[in-house]
Amino acid sequence: MDEDFGLSMSWLEKLKLLSEVAPLLAHLQMAFAESDPHKQTLALIDAAQWAAGRTDTKIDDEALQHIEAVMRTPEAQRALAFAMAKLGVLSNG
């Protein structure tokens, strides 16, 4: 069970792991710091693309490219604003 949570890792192994995921943490930090839901969505897609790029699977890369392309359209931006307003996340809807 200790292996499941990294408890048996040496501090050097933990430091290496942290350095490997640091870019993802930076992407996520930028996403959560963003106040605009559309920009936040694009930043989260960027973080997901970074993570997907670390796998050998190509379908996740392709799917995220399509999602990003759709989210960059004015229609998606308006749909997201509509949904956020209906959920009460935005006060100007």
Protein backbone atom coordinates (compact mmCIF):
# COMPACT_ATOMS: atom_id res chain seq x y z
CA MET A 1 0.00 0.00 0.00
CA ASP A 2 2.89 2.37 0.69
CA GLU A 3 3.93 1.98 -2.95
CA ASP A 4 0.49 3.16 -4.07
CA PHE A 5 0.99 6.56 -2.48
CA GLY A 6 4.73 6.93 -2.97
CA LEU A 7 5.45 6.53 0.72
CA SER A 8 8.25 4.10 0.01
CA MET A 9 9.95 6.44 -2.47
CA SER A 10 13.27 7.98 -1.54
CA TRP A 11 13.44 11.76 -1.40
CA LEU A 12 15.46 11.72 -4.63
CA GLU A 13 12.73 9.72 -6.37
CA LYS A 14 10.12 12.15 -5.04
CA LEU A 15 12.15 15.11 -6.25
CA LYS A 16 12.50 13.53 -9.71
CA LEU A 17 8.75 12.89 -9.84
CA LEU A 18 8.03 16.48 -8.82
CA SER A 19 10.35 17.79 -11.53
CA GLU A 20 8.56 15.60 -14.09
CA VAL A 21 5.10 16.91 -13.19
CA ALA A 22 6.10 20.51 -12.45
CA PRO A 23 5.06 21.70 -15.94
CA LEU A 24 1.61 20.18 -15.43
CA LEU A 25 1.30 21.91 -12.07
CA ALA A 26 2.27 25.20 -13.72
CA HIS A 27 -0.38 24.70 -16.43
CA LEU A 28 -3.01 23.96 -13.79
CA GLN A 29 -1.97 26.95 -11.68
CA MET A 30 -2.41 29.24 -14.68
CA ALA A 31 -5.81 27.71 -15.43
CA PHE A 32 -7.11 28.14 -11.90
CA ALA A 33 -5.78 31.69 -11.70
CA GLU A 34 -7.80 32.65 -14.78
CA SER A 35 -11.10 34.34 -13.97
CA ASP A 36 -12.66 34.14 -17.44
CA PRO A 37 -14.37 30.73 -17.87
CA HIS A 38 -13.52 30.53 -21.58
CA LYS A 39 -9.85 31.30 -21.01
CA GLN A 40 -9.85 28.90 -18.07
CA THR A 41 -11.29 26.16 -20.29
CA LEU A 42 -8.58 26.75 -22.90
CA ALA A 43 -5.91 26.67 -20.18
CA LEU A 44 -7.28 23.37 -18.85
CA ILE A 45 -7.24 21.97 -22.38
CA ASP A 46 -3.62 23.10 -22.63
CA ALA A 47 -2.83 21.25 -19.39
CA ALA A 48 -4.59 18.14 -20.67
CA GLN A 49 -2.64 18.38 -23.93
CA TRP A 50 0.61 18.53 -21.98
CA ALA A 51 -0.35 15.38 -20.07
CA ALA A 52 -1.61 13.62 -23.20
CA GLY A 53 1.66 14.38 -24.93
CA ARG A 54 3.44 12.22 -22.35
CA THR A 55 1.58 9.08 -23.41
CA ASP A 56 2.10 6.76 -26.36
CA THR A 57 -1.58 7.01 -27.24
CA LYS A 58 -2.40 9.32 -30.14
CA ILE A 59 -6.18 9.35 -29.79
CA ASP A 60 -6.05 11.60 -26.72
CA ASP A 61 -3.84 14.09 -28.57
CA GLU A 62 -6.21 14.14 -31.53
CA ALA A 63 -9.33 14.39 -29.39
CA LEU A 64 -7.90 17.33 -27.46
CA GLN A 65 -6.96 19.08 -30.71
CA HIS A 66 -10.58 18.80 -31.84
CA ILE A 67 -11.92 19.97 -28.49
CA GLU A 68 -9.57 22.95 -28.52
CA ALA A 69 -10.57 23.85 -32.09
CA VAL A 70 -14.24 23.77 -31.14
CA MET A 71 -13.69 25.75 -27.92
CA ARG A 72 -11.91 28.50 -29.87
CA THR A 73 -15.02 29.23 -31.95
CA PRO A 74 -17.27 32.16 -31.07
CA GLU A 75 -20.22 29.77 -30.82
CA ALA A 76 -18.49 27.68 -28.16
CA GLN A 77 -17.53 30.82 -26.27
CA ARG A 78 -21.17 31.98 -26.28
CA ALA A 79 -22.42 28.50 -25.32
CA LEU A 80 -20.01 28.34 -22.40
CA ALA A 81 -21.05 31.82 -21.24
CA PHE A 82 -24.72 30.78 -21.50
CA ALA A 83 -24.14 27.59 -19.50
CA MET A 84 -22.11 29.37 -16.83
CA ALA A 85 -24.79 32.06 -16.50
CA LYS A 86 -27.54 29.45 -16.18
CA LEU A 87 -25.51 27.69 -13.50
CA GLY A 88 -25.17 30.97 -11.65
CA VAL A 89 -21.41 31.08 -12.06
CA LEU A 90 -21.51 34.36 -13.95
CA SER A 91 -23.56 37.29 -12.76
CA ASN A 92 -23.82 39.04 -16.14
CA GLY A 93 -25.93 36.39 -17.93
